[in-house]
Amino acid sequence: SKDLKGAMEILIEQKRQKLSSVEKLDEHMDFASQLIFAQNRGDLTAENVNQCVLEMMIAAPDTLSVTLFFMLILIAEHPTVEEEMMREIEAVMGKQELQS
């Protein structure tokens, strides 16, 4: 837990440094950026920011897997949608082999 917390602090500091050096902020405004700016305004503490980012990292795999599961079920239940998706993939990818 201590190692993970330390790693989060390093990542947040790297993000903070990147934000301070970008020319256009709007291209880099994600949730972590919003948290960092909230800390800069005094709305959050460094611990709040670290905890929010840590929770996002831990929770993401669970919510992503459930979302993908239901998406695949819905695609399987709607073959016309699956066919449209395959046509779009082929139109975009052409003869290139799909990769993960």
Protein backbone atom coordinates (compact mmCIF):
# COMPACT_ATOMS: atom_id res chain seq x y z
CA SER A 1 0.00 0.00 0.00
CA LYS A 2 2.85 2.36 0.86
CA ASP A 3 4.61 1.57 -2.44
CA LEU A 4 1.42 2.19 -4.41
CA LYS A 5 0.85 5.49 -2.61
CA GLY A 6 4.41 6.56 -3.36
CA ALA A 7 4.00 5.62 -7.02
CA MET A 8 0.80 7.71 -7.19
CA GLU A 9 2.60 10.70 -5.71
CA ILE A 10 5.33 10.40 -8.36
CA LEU A 11 2.77 10.15 -11.18
CA ILE A 12 0.82 13.14 -9.89
CA GLU A 13 4.00 15.20 -9.63
CA GLN A 14 4.92 14.25 -13.20
CA LYS A 15 1.44 15.32 -14.32
CA ARG A 16 1.78 18.58 -12.37
CA GLN A 17 5.11 19.33 -14.10
CA LYS A 18 3.66 18.52 -17.51
CA LEU A 19 0.71 20.87 -16.90
CA SER A 20 3.05 23.69 -15.95
CA SER A 21 4.93 23.42 -19.24
CA VAL A 22 2.12 22.97 -21.81
CA GLU A 23 1.08 25.80 -24.10
CA LYS A 24 -2.59 24.84 -24.46
CA LEU A 25 -4.18 23.63 -21.24
CA ASP A 26 -7.48 22.64 -22.84
CA GLU A 27 -5.77 19.73 -24.62
CA HIS A 28 -4.58 18.32 -21.28
CA MET A 29 -7.63 18.87 -19.08
CA ASP A 30 -8.53 15.43 -17.80
CA PHE A 31 -9.83 14.43 -14.37
CA ALA A 32 -6.36 14.30 -12.80
CA SER A 33 -5.65 17.81 -14.13
CA GLN A 34 -8.89 19.09 -12.60
CA LEU A 35 -7.88 17.58 -9.25
CA ILE A 36 -4.45 19.22 -9.42
CA PHE A 37 -5.98 22.62 -10.17
CA ALA A 38 -8.47 22.16 -7.34
CA GLN A 39 -5.51 21.57 -5.02
CA ASN A 40 -3.77 24.67 -6.38
CA ARG A 41 -6.91 26.71 -5.57
CA GLY A 42 -6.98 25.27 -2.06
CA ASP A 43 -10.18 23.27 -2.62
CA LEU A 44 -8.40 19.93 -2.07
CA THR A 45 -5.37 18.77 -0.14
CA ALA A 46 -2.51 16.80 -1.68
CA GLU A 47 -3.84 13.77 0.20
CA ASN A 48 -7.31 14.27 -1.36
CA VAL A 49 -5.77 14.36 -4.85
CA ASN A 50 -3.64 11.27 -4.19
CA GLN A 51 -6.62 9.35 -2.82
CA CYS A 52 -8.88 10.26 -5.77
CA VAL A 53 -6.27 9.22 -8.34
CA LEU A 54 -5.53 6.01 -6.45
CA GLU A 55 -9.24 5.12 -6.30
CA MET A 56 -9.59 5.79 -10.04
CA MET A 57 -6.68 3.46 -10.78
CA ILE A 58 -8.02 0.69 -8.53
CA ALA A 59 -11.69 0.96 -9.59
CA ALA A 60 -11.13 1.28 -13.33
CA PRO A 61 -10.45 -2.42 -14.11
CA ASP A 62 -13.67 -3.54 -12.38
CA THR A 63 -15.94 -1.02 -14.04
CA LEU A 64 -14.24 -1.51 -17.40
CA SER A 65 -14.66 -5.28 -17.32
CA VAL A 66 -18.36 -5.02 -16.44
CA THR A 67 -18.94 -2.42 -19.17
CA LEU A 68 -17.15 -4.54 -21.78
CA PHE A 69 -19.10 -7.63 -20.74
CA PHE A 70 -22.47 -5.91 -21.23
CA MET A 71 -21.30 -4.27 -24.46
CA LEU A 72 -20.36 -7.68 -25.88
CA ILE A 73 -23.71 -9.16 -24.82
CA LEU A 74 -25.58 -6.30 -26.51
CA ILE A 75 -23.54 -6.69 -29.69
CA ALA A 76 -24.26 -10.43 -29.72
CA GLU A 77 -27.99 -9.75 -29.30
CA HIS A 78 -28.03 -7.25 -32.20
CA PRO A 79 -26.36 -8.82 -35.25
CA THR A 80 -27.11 -5.84 -37.51
CA VAL A 81 -25.16 -3.59 -35.16
CA GLU A 82 -22.30 -6.10 -35.17
CA GLU A 83 -22.30 -6.10 -38.98
CA GLU A 84 -22.21 -2.29 -39.06
CA MET A 85 -19.32 -2.27 -36.60
CA MET A 86 -17.39 -4.78 -38.68
CA ARG A 87 -17.94 -2.69 -41.83
CA GLU A 88 -16.67 0.40 -40.05
CA ILE A 89 -13.61 -1.44 -38.73
CA GLU A 90 -12.84 -2.73 -42.21
CA ALA A 91 -13.34 0.74 -43.71
CA VAL A 92 -10.94 2.31 -41.21
CA MET A 93 -8.37 -0.49 -40.97
CA GLY A 94 -8.42 -1.71 -44.57
CA LYS A 95 -6.14 -4.72 -44.93
CA GLN A 96 -4.22 -3.99 -41.73
CA GLU A 97 -4.34 -6.73 -39.13
CA LEU A 98 -6.19 -5.80 -35.93
CA GLN A 99 -4.09 -5.66 -32.77
CA SER A 100 -5.03 -5.27 -29.12
